[in-house]
């Protein structure tokens, strides 16, 4: 769609990595200026077997004392071996090391809300409309005993 009077064009396409990077850069600058919290970072945790195959892993971002767990996955044949818990505990330790005092994540109702709740996360909300009648469950965990961060 082109607005000939302004010379601007609106384009829809598959994911554009360059656009994604530019938007991320612009939003980081805006958010840092608005909050005074410029300390952004990312980290990952990976577990591999003897053959070098992926058993499980986690990716996360940190900003202003909050660690947001983006992805956590464990291979089906290793889910009963405690790897999810070990990966999550390693992420909590890394978050603390980076100065974070809170964690957040989301998971679909058919994935792992119970897993996170068993590890001290509390549900803070849900977004309905996931296919199959499911929802996206938003979860939070304080890494301190501070009353302002603890969920009631």
C-alpha atoms as a PDB file:
ATOM      1  CA  UNK A   1       0.000   0.000   0.000  1.00  0.00           C
ATOM      2  CA  UNK A   2       1.452   3.360  -0.984  1.00  0.00           C
ATOM      3  CA  UNK A   3       0.267   6.799   0.072  1.00  0.00           C
ATOM      4  CA  UNK A   4       1.229   8.742  -3.043  1.00  0.00           C
ATOM      5  CA  UNK A   5       0.649  12.106  -1.372  1.00  0.00           C
ATOM      6  CA  UNK A   6       3.285  11.441   1.314  1.00  0.00           C
ATOM      7  CA  UNK A   7       5.592   9.089  -0.564  1.00  0.00           C
ATOM      8  CA  UNK A   8       5.280   6.495   2.233  1.00  0.00           C
ATOM      9  CA  UNK A   9       4.789   2.777   1.568  1.00  0.00           C
ATOM     10  CA  UNK A  10       3.372   0.078   3.864  1.00  0.00           C
ATOM     11  CA  UNK A  11       4.786  -3.377   3.088  1.00  0.00           C
ATOM     12  CA  UNK A  12       3.754  -6.773   4.490  1.00  0.00           C
ATOM     13  CA  UNK A  13       6.212  -9.648   4.153  1.00  0.00           C
ATOM     14  CA  UNK A  14       7.681 -12.613   5.979  1.00  0.00           C
ATOM     15  CA  UNK A  15       9.835 -11.833   9.026  1.00  0.00           C
ATOM     16  CA  UNK A  16      12.466  -9.259   8.159  1.00  0.00           C
ATOM     17  CA  UNK A  17      15.583  -9.740  10.320  1.00  0.00           C
ATOM     18  CA  UNK A  18      16.933  -6.287   9.492  1.00  0.00           C
ATOM     19  CA  UNK A  19      13.614  -4.683  10.450  1.00  0.00           C
ATOM     20  CA  UNK A  20      13.480  -6.754  13.639  1.00  0.00           C
ATOM     21  CA  UNK A  21      16.974  -5.587  14.623  1.00  0.00           C
ATOM     22  CA  UNK A  22      16.116  -1.951  13.893  1.00  0.00           C
ATOM     23  CA  UNK A  23      12.857  -2.084  15.871  1.00  0.00           C
ATOM     24  CA  UNK A  24      14.624  -3.773  18.788  1.00  0.00           C
ATOM     25  CA  UNK A  25      17.322  -1.083  18.783  1.00  0.00           C
ATOM     26  CA  UNK A  26      14.735   1.725  18.700  1.00  0.00           C
ATOM     27  CA  UNK A  27      12.604   0.201  21.469  1.00  0.00           C
ATOM     28  CA  UNK A  28      15.623  -0.469  23.700  1.00  0.00           C
ATOM     29  CA  UNK A  29      16.648   3.179  23.363  1.00  0.00           C
ATOM     30  CA  UNK A  30      13.105   4.377  24.111  1.00  0.00           C
ATOM     31  CA  UNK A  31      12.636   2.008  27.072  1.00  0.00           C
ATOM     32  CA  UNK A  32      16.031   2.854  28.568  1.00  0.00           C
ATOM     33  CA  UNK A  33      15.304   6.583  28.358  1.00  0.00           C
ATOM     34  CA  UNK A  34      11.820   6.150  29.852  1.00  0.00           C
ATOM     35  CA  UNK A  35      12.905   3.925  32.753  1.00  0.00           C
ATOM     36  CA  UNK A  36      16.526   4.823  33.392  1.00  0.00           C
ATOM     37  CA  UNK A  37      17.346   1.093  33.194  1.00  0.00           C
ATOM     38  CA  UNK A  38      19.824   0.539  30.348  1.00  0.00           C
ATOM     39  CA  UNK A  39      21.196  -2.797  31.625  1.00  0.00           C
ATOM     40  CA  UNK A  40      19.920  -5.232  29.009  1.00  0.00           C
ATOM     41  CA  UNK A  41      21.384  -8.640  28.407  1.00  0.00           C
ATOM     42  CA  UNK A  42      20.631 -12.148  27.225  1.00  0.00           C
ATOM     43  CA  UNK A  43      21.829 -15.605  28.160  1.00  0.00           C
ATOM     44  CA  UNK A  44      21.224 -19.216  27.262  1.00  0.00           C
ATOM     45  CA  UNK A  45      21.680 -22.585  28.932  1.00  0.00           C
ATOM     46  CA  UNK A  46      22.160 -25.772  26.942  1.00  0.00           C
ATOM     47  CA  UNK A  47      22.302 -29.454  27.929  1.00  0.00           C
ATOM     48  CA  UNK A  48      23.729 -31.952  25.454  1.00  0.00           C
ATOM     49  CA  UNK A  49      24.193 -35.715  25.609  1.00  0.00           C
ATOM     50  CA  UNK A  50      27.338 -37.762  24.941  1.00  0.00           C
ATOM     51  CA  UNK A  51      26.669 -37.596  21.195  1.00  0.00           C
ATOM     52  CA  UNK A  52      26.373 -33.799  21.296  1.00  0.00           C
ATOM     53  CA  UNK A  53      22.611 -33.916  20.709  1.00  0.00           C
ATOM     54  CA  UNK A  54      20.439 -31.342  22.401  1.00  0.00           C
ATOM     55  CA  UNK A  55      18.720 -32.601  25.567  1.00  0.00           C
ATOM     56  CA  UNK A  56      17.257 -29.246  26.544  1.00  0.00           C
ATOM     57  CA  UNK A  57      17.872 -25.584  26.960  1.00  0.00           C
ATOM     58  CA  UNK A  58      16.688 -22.146  27.921  1.00  0.00           C
ATOM     59  CA  UNK A  59      16.986 -18.633  26.537  1.00  0.00           C
ATOM     60  CA  UNK A  60      16.373 -15.523  28.612  1.00  0.00           C
ATOM     61  CA  UNK A  61      16.724 -11.765  28.641  1.00  0.00           C
ATOM     62  CA  UNK A  62      17.521  -9.471  31.533  1.00  0.00           C
ATOM     63  CA  UNK A  63      16.606  -5.837  32.031  1.00  0.00           C
ATOM     64  CA  UNK A  64      16.278  -3.631  35.075  1.00  0.00           C
ATOM     65  CA  UNK A  65      16.439  -6.478  37.583  1.00  0.00           C
ATOM     66  CA  UNK A  66      13.917  -8.653  35.706  1.00  0.00           C
ATOM     67  CA  UNK A  67      14.874 -11.916  34.027  1.00  0.00           C
ATOM     68  CA  UNK A  68      12.406 -12.931  31.343  1.00  0.00           C
ATOM     69  CA  UNK A  69      12.551 -16.594  30.405  1.00  0.00           C
ATOM     70  CA  UNK A  70      11.767 -16.706  26.703  1.00  0.00           C
ATOM     71  CA  UNK A  71      12.133 -20.399  25.838  1.00  0.00           C
ATOM     72  CA  UNK A  72      12.611 -23.540  27.960  1.00  0.00           C
ATOM     73  CA  UNK A  73      12.448 -26.972  26.369  1.00  0.00           C
ATOM     74  CA  UNK A  74      13.561 -30.490  27.313  1.00  0.00           C
ATOM     75  CA  UNK A  75      13.611 -33.440  24.934  1.00  0.00           C
ATOM     76  CA  UNK A  76      10.701 -35.792  25.617  1.00  0.00           C
ATOM     77  CA  UNK A  77      12.860 -38.787  26.611  1.00  0.00           C
ATOM     78  CA  UNK A  78      14.649 -36.664  29.235  1.00  0.00           C
ATOM     79  CA  UNK A  79      11.679 -34.876  30.838  1.00  0.00           C
ATOM     80  CA  UNK A  80      11.410 -37.288  33.778  1.00  0.00           C
ATOM     81  CA  UNK A  81      15.147 -36.982  34.569  1.00  0.00           C
ATOM     82  CA  UNK A  82      14.913 -33.579  36.263  1.00  0.00           C
ATOM     83  CA  UNK A  83      16.586 -31.610  33.483  1.00  0.00           C
ATOM     84  CA  UNK A  84      13.855 -28.984  33.357  1.00  0.00           C
ATOM     85  CA  UNK A  85      14.332 -28.264  37.062  1.00  0.00           C
ATOM     86  CA  UNK A  86      18.121 -28.178  36.753  1.00  0.00           C
ATOM     87  CA  UNK A  87      17.960 -25.821  33.779  1.00  0.00           C
ATOM     88  CA  UNK A  88      15.506 -23.538  35.595  1.00  0.00           C
ATOM     89  CA  UNK A  89      17.663 -23.525  38.749  1.00  0.00           C
ATOM     90  CA  UNK A  90      20.720 -22.647  36.666  1.00  0.00           C
ATOM     91  CA  UNK A  91      18.749 -19.790  35.080  1.00  0.00           C
ATOM     92  CA  UNK A  92      17.724 -18.475  38.504  1.00  0.00           C
ATOM     93  CA  UNK A  93      21.355 -18.577  39.636  1.00  0.00           C
ATOM     94  CA  UNK A  94      22.492 -16.737  36.495  1.00  0.00           C
ATOM     95  CA  UNK A  95      19.709 -14.171  36.909  1.00  0.00           C
ATOM     96  CA  UNK A  96      20.852 -13.497  40.479  1.00  0.00           C
ATOM     97  CA  UNK A  97      24.463 -13.270  39.323  1.00  0.00           C
ATOM     98  CA  UNK A  98      23.349 -10.586  36.868  1.00  0.00           C
ATOM     99  CA  UNK A  99      21.579  -8.641  39.622  1.00  0.00           C
ATOM    100  CA  UNK A 100      18.017  -9.749  38.914  1.00  0.00           C
ATOM    101  CA  UNK A 101      15.530 -10.085  41.753  1.00  0.00           C
ATOM    102  CA  UNK A 102      12.513 -11.272  39.730  1.00  0.00           C
ATOM    103  CA  UNK A 103      11.650 -13.720  36.959  1.00  0.00           C
ATOM    104  CA  UNK A 104       8.812 -13.806  34.459  1.00  0.00           C
ATOM    105  CA  UNK A 105       7.728 -16.179  31.738  1.00  0.00           C
ATOM    106  CA  UNK A 106       4.683 -17.444  29.912  1.00  0.00           C
ATOM    107  CA  UNK A 107       3.625 -20.914  28.876  1.00  0.00           C
ATOM    108  CA  UNK A 108       0.552 -22.331  27.196  1.00  0.00           C
ATOM    109  CA  UNK A 109      -1.971 -24.240  29.287  1.00  0.00           C
ATOM    110  CA  UNK A 110      -1.018 -27.443  27.435  1.00  0.00           C
ATOM    111  CA  UNK A 111       2.685 -26.934  28.147  1.00  0.00           C
ATOM    112  CA  UNK A 112       4.062 -26.343  31.644  1.00  0.00           C
ATOM    113  CA  UNK A 113       2.186 -23.987  33.988  1.00  0.00           C
ATOM    114  CA  UNK A 114       2.283 -26.624  36.752  1.00  0.00           C
ATOM    115  CA  UNK A 115       6.040 -27.045  36.337  1.00  0.00           C
ATOM    116  CA  UNK A 116       6.637 -23.338  36.914  1.00  0.00           C
ATOM    117  CA  UNK A 117       4.188 -23.203  39.827  1.00  0.00           C
ATOM    118  CA  UNK A 118       6.020 -26.121  41.501  1.00  0.00           C
ATOM    119  CA  UNK A 119       9.138 -23.948  41.246  1.00  0.00           C
ATOM    120  CA  UNK A 120       7.567 -20.983  43.038  1.00  0.00           C
ATOM    121  CA  UNK A 121       6.084 -19.022  40.136  1.00  0.00           C
ATOM    122  CA  UNK A 122       2.627 -17.503  40.542  1.00  0.00           C
ATOM    123  CA  UNK A 123       0.152 -16.872  37.760  1.00  0.00           C
ATOM    124  CA  UNK A 124      -0.346 -13.177  37.026  1.00  0.00           C
ATOM    125  CA  UNK A 125      -2.753 -13.471  34.098  1.00  0.00           C
ATOM    126  CA  UNK A 126      -3.886 -15.331  31.017  1.00  0.00           C
ATOM    127  CA  UNK A 127      -4.339 -14.471  27.384  1.00  0.00           C
ATOM    128  CA  UNK A 128      -7.160 -16.551  25.891  1.00  0.00           C
ATOM    129  CA  UNK A 129      -7.513 -17.536  22.270  1.00  0.00           C
ATOM    130  CA  UNK A 130      -4.747 -20.093  21.822  1.00  0.00           C
ATOM    131  CA  UNK A 131      -5.890 -22.780  19.346  1.00  0.00           C
ATOM    132  CA  UNK A 132      -7.688 -25.761  20.853  1.00  0.00           C
ATOM    133  CA  UNK A 133      -9.322 -23.698  23.614  1.00  0.00           C
ATOM    134  CA  UNK A 134      -6.041 -23.077  25.410  1.00  0.00           C
ATOM    135  CA  UNK A 135      -4.545 -19.915  26.905  1.00  0.00           C
ATOM    136  CA  UNK A 136      -1.139 -18.304  27.372  1.00  0.00           C
ATOM    137  CA  UNK A 137      -0.387 -18.304  31.124  1.00  0.00           C
ATOM    138  CA  UNK A 138       1.782 -15.439  32.448  1.00  0.00           C
ATOM    139  CA  UNK A 139       3.917 -16.273  35.485  1.00  0.00           C
ATOM    140  CA  UNK A 140       6.117 -14.368  37.949  1.00  0.00           C
ATOM    141  CA  UNK A 141       8.600 -15.285  40.678  1.00  0.00           C
ATOM    142  CA  UNK A 142      10.367 -13.071  43.180  1.00  0.00           C
ATOM    143  CA  UNK A 143      13.959 -14.001  43.989  1.00  0.00           C
ATOM    144  CA  UNK A 144      13.844 -11.975  47.229  1.00  0.00           C
ATOM    145  CA  UNK A 145      11.663 -11.773  50.316  1.00  0.00           C
ATOM    146  CA  UNK A 146      10.854  -8.120  49.611  1.00  0.00           C
ATOM    147  CA  UNK A 147       7.146  -7.466  50.291  1.00  0.00           C
ATOM    148  CA  UNK A 148       6.892  -5.250  47.211  1.00  0.00           C
ATOM    149  CA  UNK A 149       7.976  -8.128  44.980  1.00  0.00           C
ATOM    150  CA  UNK A 150       6.262 -11.042  46.696  1.00  0.00           C
ATOM    151  CA  UNK A 151       2.920 -12.146  45.265  1.00  0.00           C
ATOM    152  CA  UNK A 152       0.041 -12.522  47.753  1.00  0.00           C
END
